[in-house]
Amino acid sequence: MENKDLNILHDFNILYLEDDENLLKHTHDVLEDFVNNIYAVKTSKEAMDILLNKKVDVIISDILLENENGIDFLKHIREKNIYIPTILTTAHTDTKYLLDAIKLKVENYIVKPINIKELLNTLHDILLPVVQRKEIRKNIHVIKTISAITDSKQVDIIKYIINSLDNDNLFTASYTEVMEEISISKPTLIKLFKELAEKHILVKVAHKTYKFNEASLDSI
C-alpha cells in the first residue's frame, strides 16, 4: 500500500467525541502528534460547544455514548446546517447503524478497537482534497495577482507572499526579511506593496503584518 503523507494533517483541527475515558485519552494522545488541535470530549453538549466556538475540520464520534447516540448528534448538527466530514466509531456492527451512517453521508465507519493507522489514513483521505483545493486556490491567486501588477519581475515576490500565508491569510514579514529571501531592491519592493495595497489585495493590519484579501481578486 502507498505510504500517505500524514504531515498534511498538521494544519487541521479534530473534534473527538467518546464516552470511554481511557479510549478518549489514548486516541487524543496519539492524534495530538499529528493534527493542529484535538478537542476530546465525552458528551454531545461539550461537542456542540466546541463546534460553536472553535474551527473544526473533521468530527470523530462514537455511535453508542452513555445515554446518547452519535447518530442523533450528527443529525442534530446537520439540522443546524453544520456540515463537517465525520468518522463514526462503534464496537457494534449492527446494520441499522451502518445504514444510518450511509444516509447521513458519513465519510467512514470504523469498528472498535480503533486501528490508529486506519484512522490516520482515513483522516488523510478526507483532508487531502481540502489541501489540494487550497493549493489550486493559491495558484489562482498567483495568476490573478500577477495580472493586477505591471512588472513581471515581481512575480517571485507574489509567489513568496502567497506561499507564506497562514491559515488566516496573514503575511508577516518586514521589507528586509523579504529581501533576504528574494533578490529585489527596496524601492521596487515598496512599489509592489503600494500597488497591492491600492488594489486592496494586501491590507496592512499591524506592524509587518498584512491581510491577503481574496475577495479583491474577484474584481480583477
N, C-alpha and C. Protein backbone atom coordinates (compact mmCIF):
# COMPACT_ATOMS: atom_id res chain seq x y z
N MET A 1 0.84 -1.20 0.00
CA MET A 1 0.00 0.00 0.00
C MET A 1 0.88 1.25 0.00
N GLU A 2 0.48 2.27 -0.74
CA GLU A 2 1.23 3.52 -0.83
C GLU A 2 1.25 4.23 0.53
N ASN A 3 2.45 4.71 0.92
CA ASN A 3 2.56 5.46 2.16
C ASN A 3 1.95 6.84 1.98
N LYS A 4 1.15 7.26 2.93
CA LYS A 4 0.45 8.54 2.84
C LYS A 4 1.21 9.60 3.62
N ASP A 5 1.21 10.79 3.09
CA ASP A 5 1.89 11.90 3.75
C ASP A 5 1.00 12.45 4.87
N LEU A 6 1.23 11.97 6.08
CA LEU A 6 0.40 12.38 7.21
C LEU A 6 0.74 13.78 7.70
N ASN A 7 1.79 14.38 7.15
CA ASN A 7 2.14 15.75 7.53
C ASN A 7 1.04 16.73 7.16
N ILE A 8 0.20 16.36 6.20
CA ILE A 8 -0.86 17.29 5.79
C ILE A 8 -1.89 17.48 6.90
N LEU A 9 -1.90 16.59 7.89
CA LEU A 9 -2.88 16.70 8.98
C LEU A 9 -2.54 17.83 9.94
N HIS A 10 -1.31 18.32 9.90
CA HIS A 10 -0.84 19.28 10.91
C HIS A 10 -1.61 20.59 10.94
N ASP A 11 -2.28 20.94 9.86
CA ASP A 11 -2.99 22.23 9.81
C ASP A 11 -4.46 22.12 10.19
N PHE A 12 -4.89 20.93 10.61
CA PHE A 12 -6.33 20.72 10.81
C PHE A 12 -6.70 20.42 12.26
N ASN A 13 -7.96 20.76 12.58
CA ASN A 13 -8.49 20.56 13.93
C ASN A 13 -9.53 19.44 13.94
N ILE A 14 -9.43 18.57 14.93
CA ILE A 14 -10.30 17.41 15.03
C ILE A 14 -11.13 17.48 16.31
N LEU A 15 -12.42 17.20 16.19
CA LEU A 15 -13.30 17.05 17.35
C LEU A 15 -13.52 15.55 17.56
N TYR A 16 -13.21 15.07 18.76
CA TYR A 16 -13.33 13.64 19.07
C TYR A 16 -14.32 13.44 20.21
N LEU A 17 -15.42 12.75 19.92
CA LEU A 17 -16.48 12.51 20.90
C LEU A 17 -16.49 11.03 21.27
N GLU A 18 -16.16 10.75 22.54
CA GLU A 18 -16.06 9.36 23.01
C GLU A 18 -16.29 9.33 24.52
N ASP A 19 -17.20 8.47 24.99
CA ASP A 19 -17.51 8.45 26.42
C ASP A 19 -16.63 7.49 27.23
N ASP A 20 -15.83 6.67 26.56
CA ASP A 20 -14.88 5.81 27.24
C ASP A 20 -13.63 6.64 27.54
N GLU A 21 -13.44 6.97 28.82
CA GLU A 21 -12.38 7.90 29.18
C GLU A 21 -10.99 7.40 28.81
N ASN A 22 -10.72 6.12 28.98
CA ASN A 22 -9.40 5.58 28.64
C ASN A 22 -9.13 5.65 27.15
N LEU A 23 -10.15 5.28 26.34
CA LEU A 23 -10.01 5.34 24.89
C LEU A 23 -9.89 6.78 24.43
N LEU A 24 -10.67 7.66 25.06
CA LEU A 24 -10.63 9.09 24.72
C LEU A 24 -9.22 9.63 24.91
N LYS A 25 -8.61 9.32 26.06
CA LYS A 25 -7.27 9.82 26.37
C LYS A 25 -6.23 9.20 25.44
N HIS A 26 -6.33 7.89 25.23
CA HIS A 26 -5.34 7.21 24.38
C HIS A 26 -5.36 7.77 22.96
N THR A 27 -6.55 7.86 22.37
CA THR A 27 -6.65 8.34 20.98
C THR A 27 -6.25 9.80 20.90
N HIS A 28 -6.65 10.59 21.90
CA HIS A 28 -6.25 12.00 21.96
C HIS A 28 -4.73 12.13 21.96
N ASP A 29 -4.07 11.33 22.83
CA ASP A 29 -2.61 11.43 22.96
C ASP A 29 -1.90 11.05 21.66
N VAL A 30 -2.48 10.11 20.92
CA VAL A 30 -1.88 9.72 19.63
C VAL A 30 -2.11 10.80 18.58
N LEU A 31 -3.34 11.25 18.46
CA LEU A 31 -3.68 12.21 17.40
C LEU A 31 -3.02 13.57 17.58
N GLU A 32 -2.77 13.96 18.85
CA GLU A 32 -2.22 15.31 19.05
C GLU A 32 -0.83 15.46 18.44
N ASP A 33 -0.16 14.34 18.15
CA ASP A 33 1.14 14.40 17.49
C ASP A 33 1.01 14.62 15.99
N PHE A 34 -0.19 14.46 15.46
CA PHE A 34 -0.37 14.54 14.00
C PHE A 34 -1.19 15.74 13.55
N VAL A 35 -2.09 16.26 14.41
CA VAL A 35 -3.01 17.31 13.98
C VAL A 35 -2.70 18.63 14.69
N ASN A 36 -3.34 19.68 14.23
CA ASN A 36 -3.13 21.00 14.84
C ASN A 36 -3.72 21.06 16.25
N ASN A 37 -5.02 20.73 16.34
CA ASN A 37 -5.70 20.68 17.64
C ASN A 37 -6.62 19.46 17.67
N ILE A 38 -6.68 18.79 18.82
CA ILE A 38 -7.62 17.69 19.01
C ILE A 38 -8.48 18.04 20.21
N TYR A 39 -9.76 18.27 19.96
CA TYR A 39 -10.71 18.59 21.03
C TYR A 39 -11.41 17.29 21.43
N ALA A 40 -11.05 16.76 22.59
CA ALA A 40 -11.57 15.47 23.04
C ALA A 40 -12.63 15.69 24.12
N VAL A 41 -13.86 15.23 23.87
CA VAL A 41 -14.96 15.46 24.81
C VAL A 41 -15.76 14.17 24.99
N LYS A 42 -16.55 14.13 26.09
CA LYS A 42 -17.28 12.90 26.44
C LYS A 42 -18.78 12.99 26.15
N THR A 43 -19.30 14.20 25.93
CA THR A 43 -20.74 14.35 25.72
C THR A 43 -21.03 15.20 24.49
N SER A 44 -22.23 15.03 23.95
CA SER A 44 -22.61 15.79 22.77
C SER A 44 -22.76 17.28 23.10
N LYS A 45 -23.10 17.59 24.36
CA LYS A 45 -23.21 19.00 24.76
C LYS A 45 -21.84 19.67 24.67
N GLU A 46 -20.82 18.99 25.19
CA GLU A 46 -19.46 19.52 25.09
C GLU A 46 -19.04 19.64 23.63
N ALA A 47 -19.40 18.64 22.84
CA ALA A 47 -19.05 18.65 21.41
C ALA A 47 -19.70 19.84 20.71
N MET A 48 -20.96 20.10 21.05
CA MET A 48 -21.68 21.22 20.43
C MET A 48 -21.03 22.54 20.79
N ASP A 49 -20.58 22.67 22.04
CA ASP A 49 -19.89 23.90 22.47
C ASP A 49 -18.63 24.12 21.65
N ILE A 50 -17.90 23.04 21.39
CA ILE A 50 -16.69 23.15 20.57
C ILE A 50 -17.04 23.60 19.16
N LEU A 51 -18.06 22.99 18.58
CA LEU A 51 -18.45 23.33 17.20
C LEU A 51 -18.86 24.80 17.07
N LEU A 52 -19.46 25.32 18.12
CA LEU A 52 -19.94 26.71 18.07
C LEU A 52 -18.83 27.72 18.34
N ASN A 53 -17.73 27.27 18.93
CA ASN A 53 -16.70 28.22 19.36
C ASN A 53 -15.32 27.98 18.76
N LYS A 54 -15.12 26.84 18.12
CA LYS A 54 -13.81 26.53 17.54
C LYS A 54 -13.95 26.13 16.08
N LYS A 55 -12.86 26.24 15.35
CA LYS A 55 -12.84 25.76 13.97
C LYS A 55 -12.57 24.26 13.99
N VAL A 56 -13.48 23.49 13.44
CA VAL A 56 -13.35 22.03 13.41
C VAL A 56 -13.38 21.57 11.95
N ASP A 57 -12.41 20.74 11.57
CA ASP A 57 -12.32 20.27 10.19
C ASP A 57 -12.88 18.87 10.01
N VAL A 58 -12.78 18.03 11.05
CA VAL A 58 -13.30 16.66 10.99
C VAL A 58 -13.84 16.28 12.37
N ILE A 59 -14.96 15.56 12.38
CA ILE A 59 -15.53 15.03 13.62
C ILE A 59 -15.30 13.52 13.66
N ILE A 60 -14.80 13.03 14.78
CA ILE A 60 -14.75 11.59 15.03
C ILE A 60 -15.69 11.35 16.21
N SER A 61 -16.70 10.51 16.01
CA SER A 61 -17.68 10.30 17.08
C SER A 61 -18.02 8.83 17.26
N ASP A 62 -18.06 8.40 18.53
CA ASP A 62 -18.58 7.08 18.84
C ASP A 62 -20.08 7.09 18.58
N ILE A 63 -20.63 5.95 18.20
CA ILE A 63 -22.07 5.88 17.97
C ILE A 63 -22.82 5.72 19.29
N LEU A 64 -22.43 4.74 20.09
CA LEU A 64 -23.15 4.47 21.34
C LEU A 64 -22.44 5.16 22.50
N LEU A 65 -22.99 6.30 22.90
CA LEU A 65 -22.48 7.06 24.03
C LEU A 65 -23.37 6.80 25.24
N GLU A 66 -22.91 7.18 26.41
CA GLU A 66 -23.72 6.99 27.61
C GLU A 66 -24.98 7.86 27.53
N ASN A 67 -26.13 7.21 27.48
CA ASN A 67 -27.43 7.89 27.40
C ASN A 67 -27.57 8.75 26.14
N GLU A 68 -26.73 8.52 25.14
CA GLU A 68 -26.78 9.31 23.91
C GLU A 68 -26.48 8.41 22.72
N ASN A 69 -26.64 9.01 21.54
CA ASN A 69 -26.36 8.28 20.30
C ASN A 69 -25.65 9.23 19.34
N GLY A 70 -24.48 8.79 18.86
CA GLY A 70 -23.71 9.63 17.96
C GLY A 70 -24.44 9.96 16.68
N ILE A 71 -25.26 9.03 16.21
CA ILE A 71 -26.06 9.27 15.00
C ILE A 71 -27.02 10.43 15.24
N ASP A 72 -27.68 10.42 16.41
CA ASP A 72 -28.61 11.51 16.74
C ASP A 72 -27.88 12.84 16.82
N PHE A 73 -26.67 12.83 17.38
CA PHE A 73 -25.87 14.06 17.46
C PHE A 73 -25.55 14.58 16.06
N LEU A 74 -25.19 13.67 15.19
CA LEU A 74 -24.87 14.07 13.82
C LEU A 74 -26.10 14.63 13.10
N LYS A 75 -27.25 13.98 13.31
CA LYS A 75 -28.48 14.51 12.72
C LYS A 75 -28.77 15.91 13.25
N HIS A 76 -28.55 16.09 14.55
CA HIS A 76 -28.81 17.39 15.19
C HIS A 76 -27.98 18.50 14.57
N ILE A 77 -26.68 18.24 14.38
CA ILE A 77 -25.84 19.32 13.83
C ILE A 77 -26.15 19.55 12.36
N ARG A 78 -26.55 18.50 11.64
CA ARG A 78 -26.93 18.70 10.23
C ARG A 78 -28.18 19.57 10.14
N GLU A 79 -29.11 19.38 11.10
CA GLU A 79 -30.32 20.21 11.13
C GLU A 79 -29.98 21.67 11.36
N LYS A 80 -28.83 21.91 11.98
CA LYS A 80 -28.37 23.28 12.22
C LYS A 80 -27.46 23.77 11.10
N ASN A 81 -27.48 23.02 9.99
CA ASN A 81 -26.69 23.38 8.80
C ASN A 81 -25.19 23.39 9.07
N ILE A 82 -24.74 22.50 9.96
CA ILE A 82 -23.32 22.31 10.20
C ILE A 82 -22.90 21.03 9.47
N TYR A 83 -22.14 21.19 8.41
CA TYR A 83 -21.74 20.04 7.60
C TYR A 83 -20.21 19.90 7.69
N ILE A 84 -19.78 18.98 8.52
CA ILE A 84 -18.36 18.72 8.73
C ILE A 84 -18.10 17.23 8.49
N PRO A 85 -17.07 16.89 7.72
CA PRO A 85 -16.77 15.47 7.48
C PRO A 85 -16.70 14.70 8.79
N THR A 86 -17.30 13.49 8.81
CA THR A 86 -17.43 12.75 10.06
C THR A 86 -17.00 11.29 9.89
N ILE A 87 -16.28 10.81 10.92
CA ILE A 87 -15.93 9.40 11.03
C ILE A 87 -16.66 8.85 12.25
N LEU A 88 -17.43 7.80 12.07
CA LEU A 88 -18.14 7.19 13.19
C LEU A 88 -17.39 5.94 13.66
N THR A 89 -17.35 5.77 14.98
CA THR A 89 -16.71 4.57 15.56
C THR A 89 -17.74 3.84 16.42
N THR A 90 -17.63 2.52 16.44
CA THR A 90 -18.55 1.73 17.27
C THR A 90 -17.96 0.36 17.55
N ALA A 91 -18.37 -0.21 18.66
CA ALA A 91 -17.95 -1.57 18.99
C ALA A 91 -18.93 -2.57 18.39
N HIS A 92 -19.96 -2.09 17.71
CA HIS A 92 -21.01 -2.94 17.18
C HIS A 92 -21.02 -2.89 15.65
N THR A 93 -21.51 -3.94 15.04
CA THR A 93 -21.61 -3.96 13.57
C THR A 93 -23.07 -4.07 13.16
N ASP A 94 -23.94 -3.51 13.97
CA ASP A 94 -25.37 -3.53 13.68
C ASP A 94 -25.63 -2.82 12.35
N THR A 95 -26.29 -3.50 11.44
CA THR A 95 -26.55 -2.95 10.10
C THR A 95 -27.33 -1.65 10.16
N LYS A 96 -28.20 -1.51 11.14
CA LYS A 96 -29.00 -0.29 11.25
C LYS A 96 -28.12 0.95 11.36
N TYR A 97 -27.05 0.85 12.18
CA TYR A 97 -26.16 1.98 12.33
C TYR A 97 -25.45 2.30 11.01
N LEU A 98 -25.03 1.27 10.32
CA LEU A 98 -24.34 1.46 9.05
C LEU A 98 -25.24 2.13 8.04
N LEU A 99 -26.50 1.71 7.98
CA LEU A 99 -27.45 2.33 7.05
C LEU A 99 -27.70 3.79 7.40
N ASP A 100 -27.81 4.07 8.71
CA ASP A 100 -27.99 5.46 9.13
C ASP A 100 -26.78 6.30 8.75
N ALA A 101 -25.59 5.73 8.92
CA ALA A 101 -24.36 6.44 8.58
C ALA A 101 -24.31 6.75 7.08
N ILE A 102 -24.73 5.78 6.27
CA ILE A 102 -24.75 5.97 4.82
C ILE A 102 -25.73 7.08 4.44
N LYS A 103 -26.90 7.07 5.07
CA LYS A 103 -27.91 8.10 4.78
C LYS A 103 -27.39 9.50 5.11
N LEU A 104 -26.58 9.58 6.17
CA LEU A 104 -26.03 10.88 6.58
C LEU A 104 -24.74 11.22 5.83
N LYS A 105 -24.35 10.35 4.90
CA LYS A 105 -23.16 10.55 4.07
C LYS A 105 -21.90 10.70 4.93
N VAL A 106 -21.81 9.84 5.94
CA VAL A 106 -20.63 9.82 6.79
C VAL A 106 -19.43 9.32 5.96
N GLU A 107 -18.27 9.95 6.19
CA GLU A 107 -17.11 9.63 5.37
C GLU A 107 -16.56 8.22 5.62
N ASN A 108 -16.61 7.78 6.87
CA ASN A 108 -16.13 6.42 7.15
C ASN A 108 -16.74 5.91 8.45
N TYR A 109 -16.66 4.62 8.63
CA TYR A 109 -17.28 3.91 9.74
C TYR A 109 -16.25 2.91 10.24
N ILE A 110 -15.68 3.16 11.44
CA ILE A 110 -14.58 2.33 11.95
C ILE A 110 -15.06 1.52 13.15
N VAL A 111 -14.84 0.21 13.07
CA VAL A 111 -15.24 -0.70 14.14
C VAL A 111 -14.13 -0.75 15.19
N LYS A 112 -14.54 -0.66 16.46
CA LYS A 112 -13.56 -0.77 17.56
C LYS A 112 -13.12 -2.23 17.71
N PRO A 113 -11.93 -2.45 18.27
CA PRO A 113 -10.97 -1.43 18.74
C PRO A 113 -10.39 -0.63 17.57
N ILE A 114 -10.22 0.65 17.80
CA ILE A 114 -9.78 1.54 16.73
C ILE A 114 -8.35 1.20 16.32
N ASN A 115 -8.18 0.99 15.02
CA ASN A 115 -6.85 0.82 14.45
C ASN A 115 -6.34 2.22 14.09
N ILE A 116 -5.32 2.67 14.83
CA ILE A 116 -4.83 4.05 14.67
C ILE A 116 -4.36 4.32 13.24
N LYS A 117 -3.70 3.34 12.63
CA LYS A 117 -3.24 3.54 11.25
C LYS A 117 -4.42 3.74 10.31
N GLU A 118 -5.48 2.94 10.52
CA GLU A 118 -6.68 3.10 9.69
C GLU A 118 -7.30 4.48 9.91
N LEU A 119 -7.33 4.92 11.18
CA LEU A 119 -7.91 6.23 11.49
C LEU A 119 -7.11 7.35 10.84
N LEU A 120 -5.78 7.29 10.95
CA LEU A 120 -4.93 8.32 10.35
C LEU A 120 -5.05 8.33 8.83
N ASN A 121 -5.11 7.16 8.22
CA ASN A 121 -5.28 7.09 6.77
C ASN A 121 -6.62 7.65 6.32
N THR A 122 -7.65 7.40 7.14
CA THR A 122 -8.97 7.94 6.83
C THR A 122 -8.96 9.46 6.92
N LEU A 123 -8.33 9.99 7.96
CA LEU A 123 -8.21 11.45 8.10
C LEU A 123 -7.45 12.03 6.90
N HIS A 124 -6.40 11.35 6.49
CA HIS A 124 -5.62 11.79 5.32
C HIS A 124 -6.51 11.85 4.08
N ASP A 125 -7.29 10.79 3.84
CA ASP A 125 -8.11 10.73 2.64
C ASP A 125 -9.21 11.78 2.65
N ILE A 126 -9.70 12.12 3.84
CA ILE A 126 -10.74 13.15 3.95
C ILE A 126 -10.15 14.53 3.71
N LEU A 127 -8.95 14.77 4.24
CA LEU A 127 -8.39 16.12 4.23
C LEU A 127 -7.51 16.41 3.02
N LEU A 128 -7.05 15.38 2.32
CA LEU A 128 -6.22 15.62 1.14
C LEU A 128 -6.91 16.50 0.10
N PRO A 129 -8.19 16.25 -0.23
CA PRO A 129 -8.86 17.15 -1.19
C PRO A 129 -8.92 18.60 -0.72
N VAL A 130 -9.02 18.80 0.60
CA VAL A 130 -9.03 20.16 1.16
C VAL A 130 -7.69 20.82 0.89
N VAL A 131 -6.60 20.08 1.14
CA VAL A 131 -5.26 20.60 0.89
C VAL A 131 -5.08 20.92 -0.60
N GLN A 132 -5.56 20.01 -1.44
CA GLN A 132 -5.42 20.22 -2.89
C GLN A 132 -6.20 21.44 -3.35
N ARG A 133 -7.39 21.63 -2.79
CA ARG A 133 -8.18 22.82 -3.16
C ARG A 133 -7.47 24.10 -2.75
N LYS A 134 -6.80 24.06 -1.58
CA LYS A 134 -6.05 25.23 -1.12
C LYS A 134 -4.90 25.54 -2.07
N GLU A 135 -4.23 24.49 -2.54
CA GLU A 135 -3.11 24.69 -3.47
C GLU A 135 -3.59 25.27 -4.79
N ILE A 136 -4.73 24.76 -5.26
CA ILE A 136 -5.31 25.29 -6.50
C ILE A 136 -5.67 26.76 -6.32
N ARG A 137 -6.27 27.06 -5.15
CA ARG A 137 -6.67 28.44 -4.87
C ARG A 137 -5.45 29.35 -4.81
N LYS A 138 -4.35 28.85 -4.22
CA LYS A 138 -3.11 29.63 -4.17
C LYS A 138 -2.62 29.94 -5.58
N ASN A 139 -2.65 28.93 -6.45
CA ASN A 139 -2.18 29.15 -7.82
C ASN A 139 -3.05 30.16 -8.55
N ILE A 140 -4.35 30.08 -8.31
CA ILE A 140 -5.25 31.06 -8.92
C ILE A 140 -4.94 32.46 -8.40
N HIS A 141 -4.63 32.55 -7.09
CA HIS A 141 -4.28 33.84 -6.51
C HIS A 141 -3.02 34.40 -7.17
N VAL A 142 -2.05 33.51 -7.41
CA VAL A 142 -0.82 33.95 -8.05
C VAL A 142 -1.13 34.55 -9.43
N ILE A 143 -1.91 33.82 -10.21
CA ILE A 143 -2.24 34.27 -11.57
C ILE A 143 -2.99 35.60 -11.56
N LYS A 144 -4.01 35.68 -10.70
CA LYS A 144 -4.82 36.90 -10.64
C LYS A 144 -4.02 38.08 -10.11
N THR A 145 -3.16 37.81 -9.13
CA THR A 145 -2.36 38.90 -8.57
C THR A 145 -1.34 39.40 -9.57
N ILE A 146 -0.73 38.47 -10.31
CA ILE A 146 0.23 38.88 -11.35
C ILE A 146 -0.45 39.77 -12.38
N SER A 147 -1.70 39.44 -12.71
CA SER A 147 -2.42 40.24 -13.70
C SER A 147 -2.76 41.63 -13.18
N ALA A 148 -2.66 41.80 -11.86
CA ALA A 148 -3.01 43.08 -11.27
C ALA A 148 -1.82 44.04 -11.22
N ILE A 149 -0.62 43.53 -11.51
CA ILE A 149 0.56 44.38 -11.47
C ILE A 149 1.18 44.45 -12.87
N THR A 150 2.10 45.39 -13.03
CA THR A 150 2.66 45.60 -14.36
C THR A 150 4.07 45.07 -14.52
N ASP A 151 4.81 44.91 -13.44
CA ASP A 151 6.20 44.49 -13.52
C ASP A 151 6.32 42.99 -13.30
N SER A 152 6.64 42.26 -14.36
CA SER A 152 6.68 40.80 -14.26
C SER A 152 7.83 40.32 -13.37
N LYS A 153 8.84 41.17 -13.09
CA LYS A 153 9.95 40.78 -12.23
C LYS A 153 9.48 40.59 -10.79
N GLN A 154 8.31 41.05 -10.49
CA GLN A 154 7.80 40.96 -9.12
C GLN A 154 7.06 39.65 -8.85
N VAL A 155 7.02 38.78 -9.85
CA VAL A 155 6.28 37.52 -9.72
C VAL A 155 6.79 36.69 -8.55
N ASP A 156 8.11 36.62 -8.38
CA ASP A 156 8.69 35.82 -7.30
C ASP A 156 8.22 36.34 -5.94
N ILE A 157 8.07 37.64 -5.81
CA ILE A 157 7.60 38.21 -4.54
C ILE A 157 6.15 37.80 -4.29
N ILE A 158 5.34 37.86 -5.34
CA ILE A 158 3.94 37.46 -5.21
C ILE A 158 3.85 36.00 -4.75
N LYS A 159 4.63 35.14 -5.40
CA LYS A 159 4.62 33.72 -5.02
C LYS A 159 5.06 33.54 -3.57
N TYR A 160 6.09 34.30 -3.19
CA TYR A 160 6.60 34.19 -1.82
C TYR A 160 5.54 34.62 -0.80
N ILE A 161 4.85 35.71 -1.08
CA ILE A 161 3.81 36.20 -0.18
C ILE A 161 2.70 35.16 -0.02
N ILE A 162 2.20 34.66 -1.16
CA ILE A 162 1.07 33.73 -1.12
C ILE A 162 1.45 32.41 -0.46
N ASN A 163 2.65 31.93 -0.74
CA ASN A 163 3.09 30.67 -0.14
C ASN A 163 3.41 30.80 1.35
N SER A 164 3.54 32.05 1.82
CA SER A 164 3.85 32.29 3.24
C SER A 164 2.61 32.63 4.07
N LEU A 165 1.43 32.65 3.43
CA LEU A 165 0.21 32.99 4.17
C LEU A 165 -0.10 31.93 5.21
N ASP A 166 -0.58 32.37 6.38
CA ASP A 166 -1.02 31.40 7.39
C ASP A 166 -2.48 31.03 7.14
N ASN A 167 -3.08 30.28 8.05
CA ASN A 167 -4.45 29.81 7.85
C ASN A 167 -5.48 30.94 7.84
N ASP A 168 -5.08 32.12 8.34
CA ASP A 168 -5.98 33.27 8.35
C ASP A 168 -5.66 34.24 7.22
N ASN A 169 -4.87 33.77 6.24
CA ASN A 169 -4.46 34.59 5.10
C ASN A 169 -3.64 35.81 5.51
N LEU A 170 -2.85 35.65 6.58
CA LEU A 170 -1.99 36.74 7.04
C LEU A 170 -0.54 36.48 6.60
N PHE A 171 0.11 37.55 6.13
CA PHE A 171 1.51 37.50 5.76
C PHE A 171 2.28 38.41 6.71
N THR A 172 3.31 37.88 7.35
CA THR A 172 4.07 38.66 8.33
C THR A 172 5.55 38.66 7.95
N ALA A 173 6.06 39.85 7.64
CA ALA A 173 7.49 40.00 7.32
C ALA A 173 7.78 41.48 7.10
N SER A 174 9.02 41.85 7.39
CA SER A 174 9.46 43.22 7.10
C SER A 174 10.03 43.25 5.68
N TYR A 175 10.24 44.45 5.15
CA TYR A 175 10.86 44.56 3.82
C TYR A 175 12.22 43.87 3.82
N THR A 176 12.97 44.05 4.91
CA THR A 176 14.31 43.44 5.00
C THR A 176 14.24 41.92 4.94
N GLU A 177 13.27 41.37 5.67
CA GLU A 177 13.12 39.91 5.68
C GLU A 177 12.74 39.38 4.31
N VAL A 178 11.90 40.12 3.59
CA VAL A 178 11.52 39.70 2.24
C VAL A 178 12.75 39.75 1.32
N MET A 179 13.54 40.82 1.43
CA MET A 179 14.71 40.97 0.57
C MET A 179 15.78 39.93 0.87
N GLU A 180 15.77 39.38 2.09
CA GLU A 180 16.70 38.30 2.42
C GLU A 180 16.32 37.01 1.71
N GLU A 181 15.04 36.88 1.40
CA GLU A 181 14.55 35.68 0.71
C GLU A 181 14.57 35.83 -0.81
N ILE A 182 14.26 37.04 -1.27
CA ILE A 182 14.15 37.31 -2.71
C ILE A 182 15.08 38.47 -3.06
N SER A 183 15.86 38.32 -4.12
CA SER A 183 16.76 39.38 -4.55
C SER A 183 15.98 40.46 -5.29
N ILE A 184 15.72 41.55 -4.59
CA ILE A 184 14.95 42.66 -5.17
C ILE A 184 15.33 43.94 -4.43
N SER A 185 15.30 45.05 -5.13
CA SER A 185 15.65 46.32 -4.49
C SER A 185 14.51 46.79 -3.60
N LYS A 186 14.86 47.55 -2.58
CA LYS A 186 13.83 48.04 -1.65
C LYS A 186 12.81 48.95 -2.34
N PRO A 187 13.24 49.89 -3.21
CA PRO A 187 12.25 50.73 -3.91
C PRO A 187 11.25 49.91 -4.73
N THR A 188 11.75 48.87 -5.41
CA THR A 188 10.85 48.02 -6.20
C THR A 188 9.89 47.27 -5.30
N LEU A 189 10.38 46.81 -4.16
CA LEU A 189 9.53 46.08 -3.21
C LEU A 189 8.47 47.00 -2.62
N ILE A 190 8.87 48.20 -2.25
CA ILE A 190 7.90 49.16 -1.69
C ILE A 190 6.85 49.51 -2.72
N LYS A 191 7.28 49.69 -3.98
CA LYS A 191 6.35 49.99 -5.07
C LYS A 191 5.32 48.87 -5.22
N LEU A 192 5.79 47.60 -5.14
CA LEU A 192 4.89 46.46 -5.27
C LEU A 192 3.86 46.44 -4.14
N PHE A 193 4.33 46.60 -2.92
CA PHE A 193 3.41 46.59 -1.77
C PHE A 193 2.40 47.74 -1.88
N LYS A 194 2.85 48.88 -2.39
CA LYS A 194 1.95 50.02 -2.56
C LYS A 194 0.87 49.70 -3.59
N GLU A 195 1.28 49.08 -4.71
CA GLU A 195 0.31 48.70 -5.75
C GLU A 195 -0.71 47.70 -5.22
N LEU A 196 -0.21 46.71 -4.46
CA LEU A 196 -1.11 45.70 -3.90
C LEU A 196 -2.07 46.31 -2.88
N ALA A 197 -1.58 47.29 -2.13
CA ALA A 197 -2.43 47.98 -1.15
C ALA A 197 -3.49 48.82 -1.85
N GLU A 198 -3.10 49.49 -2.93
CA GLU A 198 -4.06 50.33 -3.68
C GLU A 198 -5.17 49.50 -4.29
N LYS A 199 -4.85 48.26 -4.64
CA LYS A 199 -5.85 47.36 -5.21
C LYS A 199 -6.55 46.52 -4.12
N HIS A 200 -6.25 46.84 -2.86
CA HIS A 200 -6.85 46.17 -1.69
C HIS A 200 -6.57 44.66 -1.68
N ILE A 201 -5.47 44.27 -2.30
CA ILE A 201 -5.08 42.86 -2.28
C ILE A 201 -4.33 42.54 -0.99
N LEU A 202 -3.42 43.43 -0.61
CA LEU A 202 -2.73 43.32 0.68
C LEU A 202 -3.17 44.49 1.56
N VAL A 203 -3.73 44.16 2.70
CA VAL A 203 -4.21 45.18 3.63
C VAL A 203 -3.37 45.11 4.90
N LYS A 204 -2.70 46.20 5.24
CA LYS A 204 -1.86 46.20 6.44
C LYS A 204 -2.76 46.20 7.67
N VAL A 205 -2.54 45.24 8.56
CA VAL A 205 -3.39 45.13 9.77
C VAL A 205 -2.59 45.36 11.05
N ALA A 206 -1.26 45.29 10.95
CA ALA A 206 -0.40 45.53 12.12
C ALA A 206 1.02 45.71 11.60
N HIS A 207 1.94 45.99 12.52
CA HIS A 207 3.34 46.17 12.13
C HIS A 207 3.87 44.89 11.47
N LYS A 208 4.33 45.03 10.24
CA LYS A 208 4.89 43.91 9.46
C LYS A 208 3.85 42.82 9.16
N THR A 209 2.59 43.10 9.32
CA THR A 209 1.56 42.08 9.11
C THR A 209 0.51 42.58 8.12
N TYR A 210 0.23 41.74 7.11
CA TYR A 210 -0.70 42.11 6.04
C TYR A 210 -1.74 41.02 5.86
N LYS A 211 -2.94 41.44 5.58
CA LYS A 211 -4.03 40.50 5.28
C LYS A 211 -4.15 40.38 3.77
N PHE A 212 -4.08 39.13 3.28
CA PHE A 212 -4.30 38.88 1.86
C PHE A 212 -5.80 38.80 1.63
N ASN A 213 -6.32 39.77 0.88
CA ASN A 213 -7.77 39.91 0.70
C ASN A 213 -8.22 39.17 -0.56
N GLU A 214 -8.67 37.91 -0.39
CA GLU A 214 -9.09 37.12 -1.54
C GLU A 214 -10.24 37.77 -2.32
N ALA A 215 -11.14 38.39 -1.59
CA ALA A 215 -12.34 38.97 -2.23
C ALA A 215 -11.98 40.01 -3.28
N SER A 216 -10.86 40.71 -3.07
CA SER A 216 -10.47 41.76 -4.02
C SER A 216 -10.09 41.19 -5.38
N LEU A 217 -9.73 39.91 -5.42
CA LEU A 217 -9.31 39.29 -6.68
C LEU A 217 -10.48 39.02 -7.61
N ASP A 218 -11.68 38.95 -7.04
CA ASP A 218 -12.85 38.65 -7.86
C ASP A 218 -13.14 39.75 -8.87
N SER A 219 -12.68 40.95 -8.58
CA SER A 219 -12.94 42.09 -9.48
C SER A 219 -11.82 42.30 -10.49
N ILE A 220 -10.79 41.42 -10.40
CA ILE A 220 -9.65 41.59 -11.32
C ILE A 220 -9.92 40.87 -12.63
